[in-house]
Amino acid sequence: MIEIRRADPTSDALRAVVDAHFAHSETAGPAESNHTMDAESLAGPGIRFWAIYEGQQPLGCGAMKMLPDGTAEVKSVHILAQARGRGLARLMMQHLADLARAEGIEALVLETGAAHLSEYEAARKLYETLGYSYCGPIFGYQDDPNSAFMRLALEPGQ
């Protein structure tokens, strides 16, 4: 059974998931454009972290960072390679949107790799199918040719 639970990104149980996410981001694009948060940062104030489990086995993660402009940033959505192709990233993204909507957050925003970074193609396609649209730099970021910024407007009860 697949379950999404609040989790501690610094826990030993999730080390492999968080490390895999960090390793992927380090090799997917230039270092100066890498905005990946490490486990300690993901455990910081204003950030909530969840893990996807099958039984007691963690398969992936995702986080939401509250922003002062009334939006929340999607962070660190990652599914372990051996668990991909099962719709788990979509499940996590829908979970984050449902939580944000229930909390009255006006939009979810995110930063991902730009179109010329093929490592992020599947992620961009997923976000597009979930209704995210491309936008300018989100709160806390500057324009970067290696970044794509996306936004999903949330309506209560949608």
C-alpha atoms as a PDB file:
ATOM      1  CA  MET A   1       0.000   0.000   0.000  1.00  0.00           C
ATOM      2  CA  ILE A   2       1.308   3.459  -0.963  1.00  0.00           C
ATOM      3  CA  GLU A   3       1.104   6.131   1.727  1.00  0.00           C
ATOM      4  CA  ILE A   4       2.345   9.716   1.988  1.00  0.00           C
ATOM      5  CA  ARG A   5       3.450  10.719   5.494  1.00  0.00           C
ATOM      6  CA  ARG A   6       5.008  13.783   7.111  1.00  0.00           C
ATOM      7  CA  ALA A   7       8.646  12.910   7.667  1.00  0.00           C
ATOM      8  CA  ASP A   8      11.977  14.143   8.917  1.00  0.00           C
ATOM      9  CA  PRO A   9      14.344  14.612   5.948  1.00  0.00           C
ATOM     10  CA  THR A  10      17.344  14.180   8.267  1.00  0.00           C
ATOM     11  CA  SER A  11      16.262  10.719   9.461  1.00  0.00           C
ATOM     12  CA  ASP A  12      18.411   7.698   8.636  1.00  0.00           C
ATOM     13  CA  ALA A  13      15.380   6.050   7.011  1.00  0.00           C
ATOM     14  CA  LEU A  14      15.193   8.809   4.389  1.00  0.00           C
ATOM     15  CA  ARG A  15      18.909   9.387   3.832  1.00  0.00           C
ATOM     16  CA  ALA A  16      18.962   7.347   0.586  1.00  0.00           C
ATOM     17  CA  VAL A  17      15.988   9.253  -0.867  1.00  0.00           C
ATOM     18  CA  VAL A  18      17.294  12.729   0.009  1.00  0.00           C
ATOM     19  CA  ASP A  19      20.842  11.843  -1.061  1.00  0.00           C
ATOM     20  CA  ALA A  20      19.569  10.498  -4.412  1.00  0.00           C
ATOM     21  CA  HIS A  21      17.652  13.719  -5.005  1.00  0.00           C
ATOM     22  CA  PHE A  22      20.668  15.855  -4.141  1.00  0.00           C
ATOM     23  CA  ALA A  23      22.991  13.741  -6.335  1.00  0.00           C
ATOM     24  CA  HIS A  24      20.607  14.001  -9.303  1.00  0.00           C
ATOM     25  CA  SER A  25      20.410  17.775  -8.998  1.00  0.00           C
ATOM     26  CA  GLU A  26      24.173  18.175  -8.719  1.00  0.00           C
ATOM     27  CA  THR A  27      24.720  16.446 -12.067  1.00  0.00           C
ATOM     28  CA  ALA A  28      21.669  17.713 -13.984  1.00  0.00           C
ATOM     29  CA  GLY A  29      22.785  21.293 -14.560  1.00  0.00           C
ATOM     30  CA  PRO A  30      25.353  23.953 -13.721  1.00  0.00           C
ATOM     31  CA  ALA A  31      26.210  24.384 -10.037  1.00  0.00           C
ATOM     32  CA  GLU A  32      25.342  28.101 -10.042  1.00  0.00           C
ATOM     33  CA  SER A  33      21.757  27.222 -11.048  1.00  0.00           C
ATOM     34  CA  ASN A  34      21.261  24.404  -8.535  1.00  0.00           C
ATOM     35  CA  HIS A  35      18.665  25.383  -5.907  1.00  0.00           C
ATOM     36  CA  THR A  36      18.342  21.956  -4.296  1.00  0.00           C
ATOM     37  CA  MET A  37      18.032  21.988  -0.532  1.00  0.00           C
ATOM     38  CA  ASP A  38      19.980  19.504   1.568  1.00  0.00           C
ATOM     39  CA  ALA A  39      18.334  17.472   4.342  1.00  0.00           C
ATOM     40  CA  GLU A  40      19.108  20.020   7.045  1.00  0.00           C
ATOM     41  CA  SER A  41      17.624  22.851   4.981  1.00  0.00           C
ATOM     42  CA  LEU A  42      14.528  20.766   4.239  1.00  0.00           C
ATOM     43  CA  ALA A  43      14.055  20.371   7.998  1.00  0.00           C
ATOM     44  CA  GLY A  44      14.227  24.149   8.493  1.00  0.00           C
ATOM     45  CA  PRO A  45      11.543  26.641   9.490  1.00  0.00           C
ATOM     46  CA  GLY A  46       8.709  27.276   7.028  1.00  0.00           C
ATOM     47  CA  ILE A  47       9.279  23.987   5.197  1.00  0.00           C
ATOM     48  CA  ARG A  48       7.205  20.831   5.489  1.00  0.00           C
ATOM     49  CA  PHE A  49       8.506  17.529   4.165  1.00  0.00           C
ATOM     50  CA  TRP A  50       6.689  14.320   3.201  1.00  0.00           C
ATOM     51  CA  ALA A  51       7.841  10.885   2.115  1.00  0.00           C
ATOM     52  CA  ILE A  52       6.070   8.298  -0.020  1.00  0.00           C
ATOM     53  CA  TYR A  53       6.186   4.847   1.507  1.00  0.00           C
ATOM     54  CA  GLU A  54       5.266   1.394   0.352  1.00  0.00           C
ATOM     55  CA  GLY A  55       4.921  -0.397   3.662  1.00  0.00           C
ATOM     56  CA  GLN A  56       7.987   0.759   5.578  1.00  0.00           C
ATOM     57  CA  GLN A  57      10.098   1.353   2.445  1.00  0.00           C
ATOM     58  CA  PRO A  58      10.511   5.027   1.442  1.00  0.00           C
ATOM     59  CA  LEU A  59      10.238   5.491  -2.326  1.00  0.00           C
ATOM     60  CA  GLY A  60      10.289   9.252  -2.716  1.00  0.00           C
ATOM     61  CA  CYS A  61       9.769  12.650  -1.181  1.00  0.00           C
ATOM     62  CA  GLY A  62       8.396  16.139  -1.621  1.00  0.00           C
ATOM     63  CA  ALA A  63       8.294  19.381   0.328  1.00  0.00           C
ATOM     64  CA  MET A  64       6.464  22.677   0.484  1.00  0.00           C
ATOM     65  CA  LYS A  65       8.108  25.966   1.469  1.00  0.00           C
ATOM     66  CA  MET A  66       5.844  28.798   2.556  1.00  0.00           C
ATOM     67  CA  LEU A  67       6.627  32.106   0.835  1.00  0.00           C
ATOM     68  CA  PRO A  68       5.763  35.604   2.114  1.00  0.00           C
ATOM     69  CA  ASP A  69       3.831  36.482  -1.057  1.00  0.00           C
ATOM     70  CA  GLY A  70       0.947  34.090  -0.252  1.00  0.00           C
ATOM     71  CA  THR A  71       2.277  31.242  -2.376  1.00  0.00           C
ATOM     72  CA  ALA A  72       4.112  28.056  -1.475  1.00  0.00           C
ATOM     73  CA  GLU A  73       7.082  26.641  -3.347  1.00  0.00           C
ATOM     74  CA  VAL A  74       7.192  22.961  -4.265  1.00  0.00           C
ATOM     75  CA  LYS A  75      10.625  21.609  -3.331  1.00  0.00           C
ATOM     76  CA  SER A  76      12.491  18.333  -3.622  1.00  0.00           C
ATOM     77  CA  VAL A  77       9.946  16.122  -5.362  1.00  0.00           C
ATOM     78  CA  HIS A  78      11.955  12.996  -6.103  1.00  0.00           C
ATOM     79  CA  ILE A  79      11.161   9.340  -6.705  1.00  0.00           C
ATOM     80  CA  LEU A  80      13.877   6.705  -6.422  1.00  0.00           C
ATOM     81  CA  ALA A  81      14.862   5.297  -9.832  1.00  0.00           C
ATOM     82  CA  GLN A  82      13.609   1.798  -9.027  1.00  0.00           C
ATOM     83  CA  ALA A  83      10.114   3.150  -8.171  1.00  0.00           C
ATOM     84  CA  ARG A  84       9.608   5.410 -11.206  1.00  0.00           C
ATOM     85  CA  GLY A  85       6.875   4.839 -13.751  1.00  0.00           C
ATOM     86  CA  ARG A  86       4.198   4.171 -11.129  1.00  0.00           C
ATOM     87  CA  GLY A  87       2.694   7.663 -10.940  1.00  0.00           C
ATOM     88  CA  LEU A  88       4.264   8.427  -7.554  1.00  0.00           C
ATOM     89  CA  ALA A  89       5.545  11.899  -8.501  1.00  0.00           C
ATOM     90  CA  ARG A  90       2.040  12.786  -9.725  1.00  0.00           C
ATOM     91  CA  LEU A  91       0.629  11.463  -6.435  1.00  0.00           C
ATOM     92  CA  MET A  92       3.035  13.640  -4.428  1.00  0.00           C
ATOM     93  CA  MET A  93       2.293  16.724  -6.533  1.00  0.00           C
ATOM     94  CA  GLN A  94      -1.458  16.205  -6.087  1.00  0.00           C
ATOM     95  CA  HIS A  95      -0.952  15.728  -2.340  1.00  0.00           C
ATOM     96  CA  LEU A  96       0.918  19.042  -2.096  1.00  0.00           C
ATOM     97  CA  ALA A  97      -1.746  20.842  -4.140  1.00  0.00           C
ATOM     98  CA  ASP A  98      -4.559  19.421  -2.005  1.00  0.00           C
ATOM     99  CA  LEU A  99      -2.819  20.533   1.204  1.00  0.00           C
ATOM    100  CA  ALA A 100      -2.056  24.004  -0.153  1.00  0.00           C
ATOM    101  CA  ARG A 101      -5.621  24.445  -1.412  1.00  0.00           C
ATOM    102  CA  ALA A 102      -7.065  23.368   1.971  1.00  0.00           C
ATOM    103  CA  GLU A 103      -4.802  25.904   3.689  1.00  0.00           C
ATOM    104  CA  GLY A 104      -5.951  28.765   1.446  1.00  0.00           C
ATOM    105  CA  ILE A 105      -2.623  29.196  -0.322  1.00  0.00           C
ATOM    106  CA  GLU A 106      -3.242  31.157  -3.521  1.00  0.00           C
ATOM    107  CA  ALA A 107      -0.774  29.266  -5.728  1.00  0.00           C
ATOM    108  CA  LEU A 108       1.946  26.657  -5.808  1.00  0.00           C
ATOM    109  CA  VAL A 109       5.128  27.743  -7.577  1.00  0.00           C
ATOM    110  CA  LEU A 110       8.316  25.937  -8.477  1.00  0.00           C
ATOM    111  CA  GLU A 111      11.694  26.208 -10.111  1.00  0.00           C
ATOM    112  CA  THR A 112      12.976  23.402 -12.315  1.00  0.00           C
ATOM    113  CA  GLY A 113      15.537  22.965 -15.042  1.00  0.00           C
ATOM    114  CA  ALA A 114      15.013  24.866 -18.308  1.00  0.00           C
ATOM    115  CA  ALA A 115      14.101  23.221 -21.626  1.00  0.00           C
ATOM    116  CA  HIS A 116      17.723  22.712 -22.725  1.00  0.00           C
ATOM    117  CA  LEU A 117      18.374  20.573 -19.606  1.00  0.00           C
ATOM    118  CA  SER A 118      17.003  17.191 -20.695  1.00  0.00           C
ATOM    119  CA  GLU A 119      17.294  15.757 -17.162  1.00  0.00           C
ATOM    120  CA  TYR A 120      14.211  17.813 -16.246  1.00  0.00           C
ATOM    121  CA  GLU A 121      12.047  17.046 -19.289  1.00  0.00           C
ATOM    122  CA  ALA A 122       9.845  14.465 -17.550  1.00  0.00           C
ATOM    123  CA  ALA A 123       9.325  16.782 -14.575  1.00  0.00           C
ATOM    124  CA  ARG A 124       8.312  19.709 -16.789  1.00  0.00           C
ATOM    125  CA  LYS A 125       5.861  17.488 -18.699  1.00  0.00           C
ATOM    126  CA  LEU A 126       4.309  16.288 -15.436  1.00  0.00           C
ATOM    127  CA  TYR A 127       3.898  19.838 -14.145  1.00  0.00           C
ATOM    128  CA  GLU A 128       2.316  20.900 -17.450  1.00  0.00           C
ATOM    129  CA  THR A 129      -0.207  18.031 -17.322  1.00  0.00           C
ATOM    130  CA  LEU A 130      -1.092  19.015 -13.746  1.00  0.00           C
ATOM    131  CA  GLY A 131      -1.997  22.532 -14.926  1.00  0.00           C
ATOM    132  CA  TYR A 132       1.155  24.460 -14.076  1.00  0.00           C
ATOM    133  CA  SER A 133       1.984  27.300 -16.452  1.00  0.00           C
ATOM    134  CA  TYR A 134       5.320  28.949 -17.102  1.00  0.00           C
ATOM    135  CA  CYS A 135       5.913  32.276 -15.399  1.00  0.00           C
ATOM    136  CA  GLY A 136       8.668  34.691 -14.528  1.00  0.00           C
ATOM    137  CA  PRO A 137      11.014  34.175 -11.585  1.00  0.00           C
ATOM    138  CA  ILE A 138       9.223  33.265  -8.375  1.00  0.00           C
ATOM    139  CA  PHE A 139       9.812  34.825  -4.957  1.00  0.00           C
ATOM    140  CA  GLY A 140      13.462  34.549  -3.926  1.00  0.00           C
ATOM    141  CA  TYR A 141      14.844  33.796  -7.412  1.00  0.00           C
ATOM    142  CA  GLN A 142      16.298  35.816 -10.255  1.00  0.00           C
ATOM    143  CA  ASP A 143      15.975  35.166 -13.965  1.00  0.00           C
ATOM    144  CA  ASP A 144      18.311  32.308 -14.927  1.00  0.00           C
ATOM    145  CA  PRO A 145      18.680  30.752 -18.399  1.00  0.00           C
ATOM    146  CA  ASN A 146      19.003  27.328 -16.732  1.00  0.00           C
ATOM    147  CA  SER A 147      15.752  27.652 -14.756  1.00  0.00           C
ATOM    148  CA  ALA A 148      12.115  27.304 -15.693  1.00  0.00           C
ATOM    149  CA  PHE A 149       9.578  28.803 -13.279  1.00  0.00           C
ATOM    150  CA  MET A 150       6.028  27.492 -13.075  1.00  0.00           C
ATOM    151  CA  ARG A 151       2.835  28.372 -11.219  1.00  0.00           C
ATOM    152  CA  LEU A 152      -0.404  26.585 -10.393  1.00  0.00           C
ATOM    153  CA  ALA A 153      -3.221  28.892  -9.287  1.00  0.00           C
ATOM    154  CA  LEU A 154      -5.310  27.287  -6.533  1.00  0.00           C
ATOM    155  CA  GLU A 155      -8.986  27.858  -5.976  1.00  0.00           C
ATOM    156  CA  PRO A 156     -10.564  26.746  -2.713  1.00  0.00           C
ATOM    157  CA  GLY A 157     -12.742  23.652  -3.180  1.00  0.00           C
ATOM    158  CA  GLN A 158     -11.361  22.964  -6.667  1.00  0.00           C
END
